[in-house]
Structure formats: structure tokens, C-alpha cells
C-alpha atoms as a PDB file:
ATOM      1  CA  UNK A   1      45.800  83.147  47.096  1.00  0.00           C
ATOM      2  CA  UNK A   2      47.388  84.857  44.075  1.00  0.00           C
ATOM      3  CA  UNK A   3      46.252  87.925  45.311  1.00  0.00           C
ATOM      4  CA  UNK A   4      48.138  87.543  48.756  1.00  0.00           C
ATOM      5  CA  UNK A   5      51.488  86.581  47.105  1.00  0.00           C
ATOM      6  CA  UNK A   6      51.188  89.541  44.528  1.00  0.00           C
ATOM      7  CA  UNK A   7      50.589  91.959  47.369  1.00  0.00           C
ATOM      8  CA  UNK A   8      53.242  90.432  49.374  1.00  0.00           C
ATOM      9  CA  UNK A   9      55.702  90.851  46.447  1.00  0.00           C
ATOM     10  CA  UNK A  10      54.437  94.427  45.883  1.00  0.00           C
ATOM     11  CA  UNK A  11      55.302  95.449  49.369  1.00  0.00           C
ATOM     12  CA  UNK A  12      58.823  93.679  49.602  1.00  0.00           C
ATOM     13  CA  UNK A  13      59.740  95.243  46.446  1.00  0.00           C
ATOM     14  CA  UNK A  14      58.318  98.703  47.358  1.00  0.00           C
ATOM     15  CA  UNK A  15      60.094  98.634  50.842  1.00  0.00           C
ATOM     16  CA  UNK A  16      63.498  97.631  49.057  1.00  0.00           C
ATOM     17  CA  UNK A  17      63.082 100.265  46.396  1.00  0.00           C
ATOM     18  CA  UNK A  18      62.170 103.091  49.003  1.00  0.00           C
ATOM     19  CA  UNK A  19      65.201 102.217  51.175  1.00  0.00           C
ATOM     20  CA  UNK A  20      67.401 102.580  48.093  1.00  0.00           C
ATOM     21  CA  UNK A  21      65.810 105.689  46.987  1.00  0.00           C
ATOM     22  CA  UNK A  22      67.142 107.953  50.047  1.00  0.00           C
ATOM     23  CA  UNK A  23      70.374 109.378  49.305  1.00  0.00           C
ATOM     24  CA  UNK A  24      72.015 112.310  51.294  1.00  0.00           C
ATOM     25  CA  UNK A  25      71.775 115.929  50.052  1.00  0.00           C
ATOM     26  CA  UNK A  26      75.178 117.068  48.304  1.00  0.00           C
ATOM     27  CA  UNK A  27      77.790 118.092  50.859  1.00  0.00           C
ATOM     28  CA  UNK A  28      75.992 115.943  53.651  1.00  0.00           C
ATOM     29  CA  UNK A  29      77.798 112.984  54.971  1.00  0.00           C
ATOM     30  CA  UNK A  30      76.214 109.552  54.138  1.00  0.00           C
ATOM     31  CA  UNK A  31      74.768 107.722  57.291  1.00  0.00           C
ATOM     32  CA  UNK A  32      76.616 104.667  58.540  1.00  0.00           C
ATOM     33  CA  UNK A  33      74.760 101.585  58.097  1.00  0.00           C
ATOM     34  CA  UNK A  34      73.504 100.268  61.356  1.00  0.00           C
ATOM     35  CA  UNK A  35      75.691  97.701  62.876  1.00  0.00           C
ATOM     36  CA  UNK A  36      73.908  94.137  62.645  1.00  0.00           C
ATOM     37  CA  UNK A  37      73.885  92.403  65.968  1.00  0.00           C
ATOM     38  CA  UNK A  38      72.049  89.199  64.861  1.00  0.00           C
ATOM     39  CA  UNK A  39      73.154  86.813  61.996  1.00  0.00           C
ATOM     40  CA  UNK A  40      70.943  84.109  61.052  1.00  0.00           C
ATOM     41  CA  UNK A  41      70.941  81.142  58.807  1.00  0.00           C
ATOM     42  CA  UNK A  42      69.873  79.334  56.547  1.00  0.00           C
ATOM     43  CA  UNK A  43      67.765  81.798  54.349  1.00  0.00           C
ATOM     44  CA  UNK A  44      65.573  80.370  52.994  1.00  0.00           C
ATOM     45  CA  UNK A  45      64.882  78.242  55.863  1.00  0.00           C
ATOM     46  CA  UNK A  46      62.972  75.024  55.570  1.00  0.00           C
ATOM     47  CA  UNK A  47      62.517  73.315  59.048  1.00  0.00           C
ATOM     48  CA  UNK A  48      64.902  75.324  61.439  1.00  0.00           C
ATOM     49  CA  UNK A  49      66.482  78.862  61.286  1.00  0.00           C
ATOM     50  CA  UNK A  50      69.459  79.732  63.630  1.00  0.00           C
ATOM     51  CA  UNK A  51      70.045  83.229  65.163  1.00  0.00           C
ATOM     52  CA  UNK A  52      73.378  84.116  66.449  1.00  0.00           C
ATOM     53  CA  UNK A  53      74.675  87.386  68.281  1.00  0.00           C
ATOM     54  CA  UNK A  54      77.493  88.783  66.739  1.00  0.00           C
ATOM     55  CA  UNK A  55      78.032  90.706  70.206  1.00  0.00           C
ATOM     56  CA  UNK A  56      77.303  89.668  73.700  1.00  0.00           C
ATOM     57  CA  UNK A  57      73.811  88.769  74.302  1.00  0.00           C
ATOM     58  CA  UNK A  58      71.658  90.754  76.709  1.00  0.00           C
ATOM     59  CA  UNK A  59      69.231  88.671  78.301  1.00  0.00           C
ATOM     60  CA  UNK A  60      66.718  91.859  78.741  1.00  0.00           C
ATOM     61  CA  UNK A  61      66.016  91.707  75.060  1.00  0.00           C
ATOM     62  CA  UNK A  62      63.142  90.268  73.639  1.00  0.00           C
ATOM     63  CA  UNK A  63      63.030  88.379  70.248  1.00  0.00           C
ATOM     64  CA  UNK A  64      59.902  88.290  68.038  1.00  0.00           C
ATOM     65  CA  UNK A  65      58.920  87.168  64.713  1.00  0.00           C
ATOM     66  CA  UNK A  66      56.053  88.475  62.735  1.00  0.00           C
ATOM     67  CA  UNK A  67      54.197  87.176  59.603  1.00  0.00           C
ATOM     68  CA  UNK A  68      53.793  89.697  56.789  1.00  0.00           C
ATOM     69  CA  UNK A  69      50.131  90.420  57.912  1.00  0.00           C
ATOM     70  CA  UNK A  70      51.709  91.574  61.141  1.00  0.00           C
ATOM     71  CA  UNK A  71      50.636  88.608  63.535  1.00  0.00           C
ATOM     72  CA  UNK A  72      53.274  87.648  66.031  1.00  0.00           C
ATOM     73  CA  UNK A  73      54.223  84.063  65.577  1.00  0.00           C
ATOM     74  CA  UNK A  74      57.026  83.737  67.710  1.00  0.00           C
ATOM     75  CA  UNK A  75      58.484  85.489  71.028  1.00  0.00           C
ATOM     76  CA  UNK A  76      61.320  84.722  73.212  1.00  0.00           C
ATOM     77  CA  UNK A  77      61.833  86.927  76.143  1.00  0.00           C
ATOM     78  CA  UNK A  78      65.053  85.392  77.493  1.00  0.00           C
ATOM     79  CA  UNK A  79      67.547  85.860  74.513  1.00  0.00           C
ATOM     80  CA  UNK A  80      70.567  83.437  74.438  1.00  0.00           C
ATOM     81  CA  UNK A  81      73.575  83.919  72.334  1.00  0.00           C
ATOM     82  CA  UNK A  82      72.425  81.165  70.017  1.00  0.00           C
ATOM     83  CA  UNK A  83      68.614  80.700  69.417  1.00  0.00           C
ATOM     84  CA  UNK A  84      67.292  77.783  66.958  1.00  0.00           C
ATOM     85  CA  UNK A  85      63.709  78.479  65.930  1.00  0.00           C
ATOM     86  CA  UNK A  86      61.788  75.305  64.786  1.00  0.00           C
ATOM     87  CA  UNK A  87      59.581  76.212  62.041  1.00  0.00           C
ATOM     88  CA  UNK A  88      57.224  73.417  61.975  1.00  0.00           C
ATOM     89  CA  UNK A  89      54.175  75.681  62.822  1.00  0.00           C
ATOM     90  CA  UNK A  90      55.361  78.160  60.147  1.00  0.00           C
ATOM     91  CA  UNK A  91      53.704  78.564  56.665  1.00  0.00           C
ATOM     92  CA  UNK A  92      55.715  79.075  53.700  1.00  0.00           C
ATOM     93  CA  UNK A  93      56.417  82.997  53.078  1.00  0.00           C
ATOM     94  CA  UNK A  94      58.377  85.896  54.484  1.00  0.00           C
ATOM     95  CA  UNK A  95      58.763  86.875  58.018  1.00  0.00           C
ATOM     96  CA  UNK A  96      60.182  89.688  59.888  1.00  0.00           C
ATOM     97  CA  UNK A  97      62.325  89.453  63.100  1.00  0.00           C
ATOM     98  CA  UNK A  98      62.723  92.040  65.796  1.00  0.00           C
ATOM     99  CA  UNK A  99      65.079  92.508  68.489  1.00  0.00           C
ATOM    100  CA  UNK A 100      63.794  94.766  71.356  1.00  0.00           C
ATOM    101  CA  UNK A 101      65.431  96.068  74.437  1.00  0.00           C
ATOM    102  CA  UNK A 102      63.551  96.046  77.953  1.00  0.00           C
ATOM    103  CA  UNK A 103      62.335  99.537  77.234  1.00  0.00           C
ATOM    104  CA  UNK A 104      60.872  98.394  73.832  1.00  0.00           C
ATOM    105  CA  UNK A 105      63.352 100.165  71.798  1.00  0.00           C
ATOM    106  CA  UNK A 106      64.269  98.411  68.224  1.00  0.00           C
ATOM    107  CA  UNK A 107      67.646  97.127  68.447  1.00  0.00           C
ATOM    108  CA  UNK A 108      67.773  95.164  65.416  1.00  0.00           C
ATOM    109  CA  UNK A 109      65.391  93.759  62.780  1.00  0.00           C
ATOM    110  CA  UNK A 110      65.294  91.810  59.499  1.00  0.00           C
ATOM    111  CA  UNK A 111      63.331  89.225  57.255  1.00  0.00           C
ATOM    112  CA  UNK A 112      63.947  85.807  56.276  1.00  0.00           C
ATOM    113  CA  UNK A 113      62.056  83.196  53.936  1.00  0.00           C
ATOM    114  CA  UNK A 114      60.412  80.099  54.830  1.00  0.00           C
ATOM    115  CA  UNK A 115      60.071  77.624  51.892  1.00  0.00           C
ATOM    116  CA  UNK A 116      58.664  74.302  52.483  1.00  0.00           C
END
């Protein structure tokens, strides 16, 4: 179990360092950060987590949550402006959420922590 937590920590640390290490070449404009469509709270979550749209929700979006092993643990194909996810069946750890459009294109993503 210690190996799992160590590997998870290294993966998270590596992805954060990789994202910060990319800087534009001199003279090139810095890329605009992608506008976040979803906000979520509380983080870390214990029993429930709430996802709210910053803009108008599109019912053609699909919302998915994955554990760090890549297993899909939650899916909602009819997104509403405010979605509350019950975390009773979730284990302690870090989860990744993805919001995709009808064609499968990634609209927004992020990560949150469950601490029980």
C-alpha cells in the first residue's frame, strides 16, 4: 500500500513540475490559460463534492470521474448546472474529472481529493 501512495505522489509531483517547466520561447507570446468552465468544492471532500458550471450548462456534455489508476468510477451523460456527487463508494485518494462534449473533445478537466 505504501508503494501505491508513493507512486501516486510521484505522478502528481511529476505532472505539476512538467506543467510549470514549459515556458514560451523569448519573443513568443505566452499562451492564455484555458478558461475553466467548472468550479468544485469542497476540496478535499469527505462525503459529497459539488460541481457548478461557470457558464451555461450544455446537456450534450458528459461528465466523468476517474481514479488514479484510470478506472472510471462515475459518469453522468446528462449534465446539469449544478451536480452533487455522493462519495460514499469512493476510496480515499486523488480523482480526476473530465467534461467532454458530444464528439468526445475534452472541454475541462481537473483533480480533487477525497479524504475520509
